[in-house]
Amino acid sequence: MAETITLKAPDISCDHCINTIRKAVTKLPGVEFVKGDIPAKTVTMRYEASRTKLDQIKQAMGEEDYPVASVN
């Protein structure tokens, strides 16, 4: 079953940031979509929790220098 989550990433400042995050997390199995909100500094994504764990998503973002501050 797919889940939708919103992650707060304070280092997001532009479309390039969102695209970098999108490329990193869509490589993970089960990630269906990624949408960024630059003013809110959030990324919302839909993923299959049975295929990819939240920790893997957070790690992928952190490896691109966009650490997750919180999960909503």
PDB file of N, CA and C in Angstrom:
ATOM      1  N   MET A   1       0.838  -1.185   0.000  1.00  0.00           N
ATOM      2  CA  MET A   1       0.000   0.000   0.000  1.00  0.00           C
ATOM      3  C   MET A   1       0.884   1.250   0.000  1.00  0.00           C
ATOM      4  N   ALA A   2       0.551   2.180  -0.834  1.00  0.00           N
ATOM      5  CA  ALA A   2       1.346   3.407  -0.963  1.00  0.00           C
ATOM      6  C   ALA A   2       0.991   4.400   0.136  1.00  0.00           C
ATOM      7  N   GLU A   3       2.000   5.132   0.576  1.00  0.00           N
ATOM      8  CA  GLU A   3       1.842   6.175   1.580  1.00  0.00           C
ATOM      9  C   GLU A   3       2.268   7.505   0.986  1.00  0.00           C
ATOM     10  N   THR A   4       1.657   8.573   1.460  1.00  0.00           N
ATOM     11  CA  THR A   4       2.060   9.920   1.083  1.00  0.00           C
ATOM     12  C   THR A   4       2.621  10.596   2.324  1.00  0.00           C
ATOM     13  N   ILE A   5       3.819  11.160   2.192  1.00  0.00           N
ATOM     14  CA  ILE A   5       4.458  11.850   3.309  1.00  0.00           C
ATOM     15  C   ILE A   5       4.967  13.205   2.842  1.00  0.00           C
ATOM     16  N   THR A   6       5.107  14.105   3.787  1.00  0.00           N
ATOM     17  CA  THR A   6       5.707  15.407   3.525  1.00  0.00           C
ATOM     18  C   THR A   6       6.906  15.547   4.446  1.00  0.00           C
ATOM     19  N   LEU A   7       8.046  15.849   3.836  1.00  0.00           N
ATOM     20  CA  LEU A   7       9.293  15.986   4.574  1.00  0.00           C
ATOM     21  C   LEU A   7       9.739  17.438   4.557  1.00  0.00           C
ATOM     22  N   LYS A   8      10.126  17.946   5.703  1.00  0.00           N
ATOM     23  CA  LYS A   8      10.657  19.309   5.813  1.00  0.00           C
ATOM     24  C   LYS A   8      12.166  19.240   5.593  1.00  0.00           C
ATOM     25  N   ALA A   9      12.635  19.988   4.605  1.00  0.00           N
ATOM     26  CA  ALA A   9      14.062  20.029   4.280  1.00  0.00           C
ATOM     27  C   ALA A   9      14.471  21.499   4.170  1.00  0.00           C
ATOM     28  N   PRO A  10      15.011  22.077   5.240  1.00  0.00           N
ATOM     29  CA  PRO A  10      15.270  23.516   5.300  1.00  0.00           C
ATOM     30  C   PRO A  10      16.265  24.049   4.274  1.00  0.00           C
ATOM     31  N   ASP A  11      17.050  23.178   3.659  1.00  0.00           N
ATOM     32  CA  ASP A  11      18.052  23.647   2.699  1.00  0.00           C
ATOM     33  C   ASP A  11      17.512  23.801   1.275  1.00  0.00           C
ATOM     34  N   ILE A  12      16.230  23.521   1.058  1.00  0.00           N
ATOM     35  CA  ILE A  12      15.628  23.695  -0.265  1.00  0.00           C
ATOM     36  C   ILE A  12      15.487  25.192  -0.548  1.00  0.00           C
ATOM     37  N   SER A  13      15.987  25.611  -1.728  1.00  0.00           N
ATOM     38  CA  SER A  13      15.875  27.029  -2.065  1.00  0.00           C
ATOM     39  C   SER A  13      15.494  27.299  -3.516  1.00  0.00           C
ATOM     40  N   CYS A  14      15.459  26.243  -4.369  1.00  0.00           N
ATOM     41  CA  CYS A  14      15.194  26.489  -5.790  1.00  0.00           C
ATOM     42  C   CYS A  14      14.736  25.203  -6.488  1.00  0.00           C
ATOM     43  N   ASP A  15      14.377  25.349  -7.767  1.00  0.00           N
ATOM     44  CA  ASP A  15      13.954  24.188  -8.556  1.00  0.00           C
ATOM     45  C   ASP A  15      15.070  23.160  -8.692  1.00  0.00           C
ATOM     46  N   HIS A  16      16.307  23.618  -8.759  1.00  0.00           N
ATOM     47  CA  HIS A  16      17.436  22.690  -8.855  1.00  0.00           C
ATOM     48  C   HIS A  16      17.465  21.772  -7.632  1.00  0.00           C
ATOM     49  N   CYS A  17      17.190  22.318  -6.470  1.00  0.00           N
ATOM     50  CA  CYS A  17      17.148  21.514  -5.242  1.00  0.00           C
ATOM     51  C   CYS A  17      16.093  20.419  -5.364  1.00  0.00           C
ATOM     52  N   ILE A  18      14.909  20.802  -5.794  1.00  0.00           N
ATOM     53  CA  ILE A  18      13.809  19.843  -5.937  1.00  0.00           C
ATOM     54  C   ILE A  18      14.175  18.772  -6.955  1.00  0.00           C
ATOM     55  N   ASN A  19      14.753  19.168  -8.080  1.00  0.00           N
ATOM     56  CA  ASN A  19      15.134  18.196  -9.100  1.00  0.00           C
ATOM     57  C   ASN A  19      16.201  17.231  -8.599  1.00  0.00           C
ATOM     58  N   THR A  20      17.139  17.730  -7.821  1.00  0.00           N
ATOM     59  CA  THR A  20      18.187  16.877  -7.256  1.00  0.00           C
ATOM     60  C   THR A  20      17.570  15.852  -6.310  1.00  0.00           C
ATOM     61  N   ILE A  21      16.664  16.301  -5.466  1.00  0.00           N
ATOM     62  CA  ILE A  21      15.980  15.393  -4.543  1.00  0.00           C
ATOM     63  C   ILE A  21      15.155  14.377  -5.318  1.00  0.00           C
ATOM     64  N   ARG A  22      14.424  14.853  -6.317  1.00  0.00           N
ATOM     65  CA  ARG A  22      13.580  13.961  -7.124  1.00  0.00           C
ATOM     66  C   ARG A  22      14.418  12.857  -7.763  1.00  0.00           C
ATOM     67  N   LYS A  23      15.545  13.229  -8.349  1.00  0.00           N
ATOM     68  CA  LYS A  23      16.409  12.230  -8.995  1.00  0.00           C
ATOM     69  C   LYS A  23      16.926  11.219  -7.984  1.00  0.00           C
ATOM     70  N   ALA A  24      17.273  11.677  -6.801  1.00  0.00           N
ATOM     71  CA  ALA A  24      17.834  10.788  -5.783  1.00  0.00           C
ATOM     72  C   ALA A  24      16.793   9.797  -5.259  1.00  0.00           C
ATOM     73  N   VAL A  25      15.606  10.271  -4.959  1.00  0.00           N
ATOM     74  CA  VAL A  25      14.628   9.372  -4.331  1.00  0.00           C
ATOM     75  C   VAL A  25      13.862   8.515  -5.335  1.00  0.00           C
ATOM     76  N   THR A  26      13.731   8.965  -6.570  1.00  0.00           N
ATOM     77  CA  THR A  26      13.021   8.131  -7.542  1.00  0.00           C
ATOM     78  C   THR A  26      13.861   6.942  -7.993  1.00  0.00           C
ATOM     79  N   LYS A  27      15.121   6.915  -7.617  1.00  0.00           N
ATOM     80  CA  LYS A  27      15.945   5.731  -7.875  1.00  0.00           C
ATOM     81  C   LYS A  27      15.576   4.591  -6.930  1.00  0.00           C
ATOM     82  N   LEU A  28      14.933   4.929  -5.825  1.00  0.00           N
ATOM     83  CA  LEU A  28      14.536   3.923  -4.851  1.00  0.00           C
ATOM     84  C   LEU A  28      13.286   3.189  -5.348  1.00  0.00           C
ATOM     85  N   PRO A  29      13.192   1.894  -5.077  1.00  0.00           N
ATOM     86  CA  PRO A  29      12.010   1.144  -5.543  1.00  0.00           C
ATOM     87  C   PRO A  29      10.740   1.603  -4.841  1.00  0.00           C
ATOM     88  N   GLY A  30       9.676   1.737  -5.605  1.00  0.00           N
ATOM     89  CA  GLY A  30       8.380   2.054  -5.023  1.00  0.00           C
ATOM     90  C   GLY A  30       8.064   3.520  -4.865  1.00  0.00           C
ATOM     91  N   VAL A  31       9.007   4.419  -5.172  1.00  0.00           N
ATOM     92  CA  VAL A  31       8.714   5.850  -5.083  1.00  0.00           C
ATOM     93  C   VAL A  31       7.944   6.242  -6.340  1.00  0.00           C
ATOM     94  N   GLU A  32       6.708   6.710  -6.155  1.00  0.00           N
ATOM     95  CA  GLU A  32       5.815   6.982  -7.276  1.00  0.00           C
ATOM     96  C   GLU A  32       5.896   8.417  -7.775  1.00  0.00           C
ATOM     97  N   PHE A  33       5.942   9.378  -6.873  1.00  0.00           N
ATOM     98  CA  PHE A  33       6.096  10.774  -7.303  1.00  0.00           C
ATOM     99  C   PHE A  33       6.718  11.600  -6.195  1.00  0.00           C
ATOM    100  N   VAL A  34       7.306  12.716  -6.618  1.00  0.00           N
ATOM    101  CA  VAL A  34       7.939  13.653  -5.697  1.00  0.00           C
ATOM    102  C   VAL A  34       7.545  15.057  -6.136  1.00  0.00           C
ATOM    103  N   LYS A  35       7.032  15.844  -5.190  1.00  0.00           N
ATOM    104  CA  LYS A  35       6.634  17.217  -5.494  1.00  0.00           C
ATOM    105  C   LYS A  35       7.230  18.126  -4.426  1.00  0.00           C
ATOM    106  N   GLY A  36       7.895  19.166  -4.852  1.00  0.00           N
ATOM    107  CA  GLY A  36       8.513  20.092  -3.916  1.00  0.00           C
ATOM    108  C   GLY A  36       7.737  21.384  -3.774  1.00  0.00           C
ATOM    109  N   ASP A  37       7.851  21.983  -2.610  1.00  0.00           N
ATOM    110  CA  ASP A  37       7.265  23.290  -2.326  1.00  0.00           C
ATOM    111  C   ASP A  37       8.403  24.162  -1.790  1.00  0.00           C
ATOM    112  N   ILE A  38       8.945  25.011  -2.645  1.00  0.00           N
ATOM    113  CA  ILE A  38      10.124  25.807  -2.286  1.00  0.00           C
ATOM    114  C   ILE A  38       9.833  26.774  -1.138  1.00  0.00           C
ATOM    115  N   PRO A  39       8.748  27.569  -1.186  1.00  0.00           N
ATOM    116  CA  PRO A  39       8.508  28.498  -0.069  1.00  0.00           C
ATOM    117  C   PRO A  39       8.331  27.789   1.276  1.00  0.00           C
ATOM    118  N   ALA A  40       7.699  26.626   1.266  1.00  0.00           N
ATOM    119  CA  ALA A  40       7.478  25.879   2.514  1.00  0.00           C
ATOM    120  C   ALA A  40       8.685  25.018   2.882  1.00  0.00           C
ATOM    121  N   LYS A  41       9.613  24.867   1.935  1.00  0.00           N
ATOM    122  CA  LYS A  41      10.801  24.020   2.132  1.00  0.00           C
ATOM    123  C   LYS A  41      10.422  22.593   2.488  1.00  0.00           C
ATOM    124  N   THR A  42       9.458  22.067   1.702  1.00  0.00           N
ATOM    125  CA  THR A  42       8.987  20.703   1.912  1.00  0.00           C
ATOM    126  C   THR A  42       9.020  19.908   0.609  1.00  0.00           C
ATOM    127  N   VAL A  43       9.045  18.603   0.778  1.00  0.00           N
ATOM    128  CA  VAL A  43       8.945  17.676  -0.342  1.00  0.00           C
ATOM    129  C   VAL A  43       7.866  16.662   0.027  1.00  0.00           C
ATOM    130  N   THR A  44       6.892  16.517  -0.844  1.00  0.00           N
ATOM    131  CA  THR A  44       5.833  15.539  -0.637  1.00  0.00           C
ATOM    132  C   THR A  44       6.052  14.412  -1.630  1.00  0.00           C
ATOM    133  N   MET A  45       5.949  13.201  -1.146  1.00  0.00           N
ATOM    134  CA  MET A  45       6.137  12.064  -2.038  1.00  0.00           C
ATOM    135  C   MET A  45       5.188  10.937  -1.688  1.00  0.00           C
ATOM    136  N   ARG A  46       4.934  10.127  -2.691  1.00  0.00           N
ATOM    137  CA  ARG A  46       4.121   8.926  -2.530  1.00  0.00           C
ATOM    138  C   ARG A  46       5.035   7.748  -2.812  1.00  0.00           C
ATOM    139  N   TYR A  47       5.018   6.777  -1.900  1.00  0.00           N
ATOM    140  CA  TYR A  47       5.898   5.621  -2.058  1.00  0.00           C
ATOM    141  C   TYR A  47       5.272   4.392  -1.421  1.00  0.00           C
ATOM    142  N   GLU A  48       5.741   3.244  -1.842  1.00  0.00           N
ATOM    143  CA  GLU A  48       5.281   1.980  -1.280  1.00  0.00           C
ATOM    144  C   GLU A  48       6.200   1.611  -0.121  1.00  0.00           C
ATOM    145  N   ALA A  49       5.671   1.687   1.078  1.00  0.00           N
ATOM    146  CA  ALA A  49       6.461   1.439   2.284  1.00  0.00           C
ATOM    147  C   ALA A  49       6.956   0.001   2.364  1.00  0.00           C
ATOM    148  N   SER A  50       6.306  -0.895   1.652  1.00  0.00           N
ATOM    149  CA  SER A  50       6.757  -2.281   1.648  1.00  0.00           C
ATOM    150  C   SER A  50       8.003  -2.476   0.788  1.00  0.00           C
ATOM    151  N   ARG A  51       8.297  -1.513  -0.071  1.00  0.00           N
ATOM    152  CA  ARG A  51       9.454  -1.616  -0.962  1.00  0.00           C
ATOM    153  C   ARG A  51      10.597  -0.690  -0.557  1.00  0.00           C
ATOM    154  N   THR A  52      10.271   0.448   0.012  1.00  0.00           N
ATOM    155  CA  THR A  52      11.276   1.421   0.439  1.00  0.00           C
ATOM    156  C   THR A  52      10.899   1.945   1.812  1.00  0.00           C
ATOM    157  N   LYS A  53      11.857   2.028   2.686  1.00  0.00           N
ATOM    158  CA  LYS A  53      11.634   2.535   4.041  1.00  0.00           C
ATOM    159  C   LYS A  53      11.904   4.036   4.092  1.00  0.00           C
ATOM    160  N   LEU A  54      11.251   4.703   5.015  1.00  0.00           N
ATOM    161  CA  LEU A  54      11.436   6.139   5.192  1.00  0.00           C
ATOM    162  C   LEU A  54      12.904   6.475   5.440  1.00  0.00           C
ATOM    163  N   ASP A  55      13.594   5.651   6.207  1.00  0.00           N
ATOM    164  CA  ASP A  55      15.020   5.894   6.464  1.00  0.00           C
ATOM    165  C   ASP A  55      15.844   5.907   5.190  1.00  0.00           C
ATOM    166  N   GLN A  56      15.471   5.090   4.214  1.00  0.00           N
ATOM    167  CA  GLN A  56      16.183   5.063   2.936  1.00  0.00           C
ATOM    168  C   GLN A  56      15.962   6.373   2.174  1.00  0.00           C
ATOM    169  N   ILE A  57      14.746   6.896   2.240  1.00  0.00           N
ATOM    170  CA  ILE A  57      14.436   8.165   1.585  1.00  0.00           C
ATOM    171  C   ILE A  57      15.225   9.287   2.247  1.00  0.00           C
ATOM    172  N   LYS A  58      15.214   9.313   3.567  1.00  0.00           N
ATOM    173  CA  LYS A  58      15.962  10.336   4.303  1.00  0.00           C
ATOM    174  C   LYS A  58      17.459  10.247   3.996  1.00  0.00           C
ATOM    175  N   GLN A  59      17.977   9.038   3.902  1.00  0.00           N
ATOM    176  CA  GLN A  59      19.393   8.859   3.588  1.00  0.00           C
ATOM    177  C   GLN A  59      19.706   9.365   2.183  1.00  0.00           C
ATOM    178  N   ALA A  60      18.857   9.045   1.218  1.00  0.00           N
ATOM    179  CA  ALA A  60      19.077   9.492  -0.162  1.00  0.00           C
ATOM    180  C   ALA A  60      19.087  11.016  -0.238  1.00  0.00           C
ATOM    181  N   MET A  61      18.184  11.662   0.484  1.00  0.00           N
ATOM    182  CA  MET A  61      18.152  13.125   0.494  1.00  0.00           C
ATOM    183  C   MET A  61      19.385  13.682   1.191  1.00  0.00           C
ATOM    184  N   GLY A  62      19.780  13.091   2.298  1.00  0.00           N
ATOM    185  CA  GLY A  62      20.956  13.549   3.032  1.00  0.00           C
ATOM    186  C   GLY A  62      22.228  13.415   2.224  1.00  0.00           C
ATOM    187  N   GLU A  63      22.320  12.351   1.431  1.00  0.00           N
ATOM    188  CA  GLU A  63      23.504  12.160   0.587  1.00  0.00           C
ATOM    189  C   GLU A  63      23.624  13.238  -0.489  1.00  0.00           C
ATOM    190  N   GLU A  64      22.510  13.885  -0.798  1.00  0.00           N
ATOM    191  CA  GLU A  64      22.507  14.984  -1.777  1.00  0.00           C
ATOM    192  C   GLU A  64      22.589  16.335  -1.070  1.00  0.00           C
ATOM    193  N   ASP A  65      22.877  16.337   0.218  1.00  0.00           N
ATOM    194  CA  ASP A  65      22.991  17.553   1.048  1.00  0.00           C
ATOM    195  C   ASP A  65      21.668  18.261   1.288  1.00  0.00           C
ATOM    196  N   TYR A  66      20.583  17.489   1.370  1.00  0.00           N
ATOM    197  CA  TYR A  66      19.269  18.015   1.734  1.00  0.00           C
ATOM    198  C   TYR A  66      18.725  17.186   2.896  1.00  0.00           C
ATOM    199  N   PRO A  67      19.297  17.364   4.079  1.00  0.00           N
ATOM    200  CA  PRO A  67      18.836  16.568   5.213  1.00  0.00           C
ATOM    201  C   PRO A  67      17.398  16.886   5.585  1.00  0.00           C
ATOM    202  N   VAL A  68      16.705  15.876   6.058  1.00  0.00           N
ATOM    203  CA  VAL A  68      15.314  16.014   6.477  1.00  0.00           C
ATOM    204  C   VAL A  68      15.272  16.494   7.928  1.00  0.00           C
ATOM    205  N   ALA A  69      14.541  17.582   8.162  1.00  0.00           N
ATOM    206  CA  ALA A  69      14.423  18.127   9.510  1.00  0.00           C
ATOM    207  C   ALA A  69      13.248  17.520  10.261  1.00  0.00           C
ATOM    208  N   SER A  70      12.171  17.210   9.535  1.00  0.00           N
ATOM    209  CA  SER A  70      11.008  16.616  10.178  1.00  0.00           C
ATOM    210  C   SER A  70      10.123  15.941   9.140  1.00  0.00           C
ATOM    211  N   VAL A  71       9.234  15.092   9.626  1.00  0.00           N
ATOM    212  CA  VAL A  71       8.274  14.369   8.780  1.00  0.00           C
ATOM    213  C   VAL A  71       6.892  14.798   9.214  1.00  0.00           C
ATOM    214  N   ASN A  72       6.076  15.204   8.244  1.00  0.00           N
ATOM    215  CA  ASN A  72       4.687  15.602   8.542  1.00  0.00           C
ATOM    216  C   ASN A  72       3.736  14.567   8.003  1.00  0.00           C
TER     217      ASN A  72
END
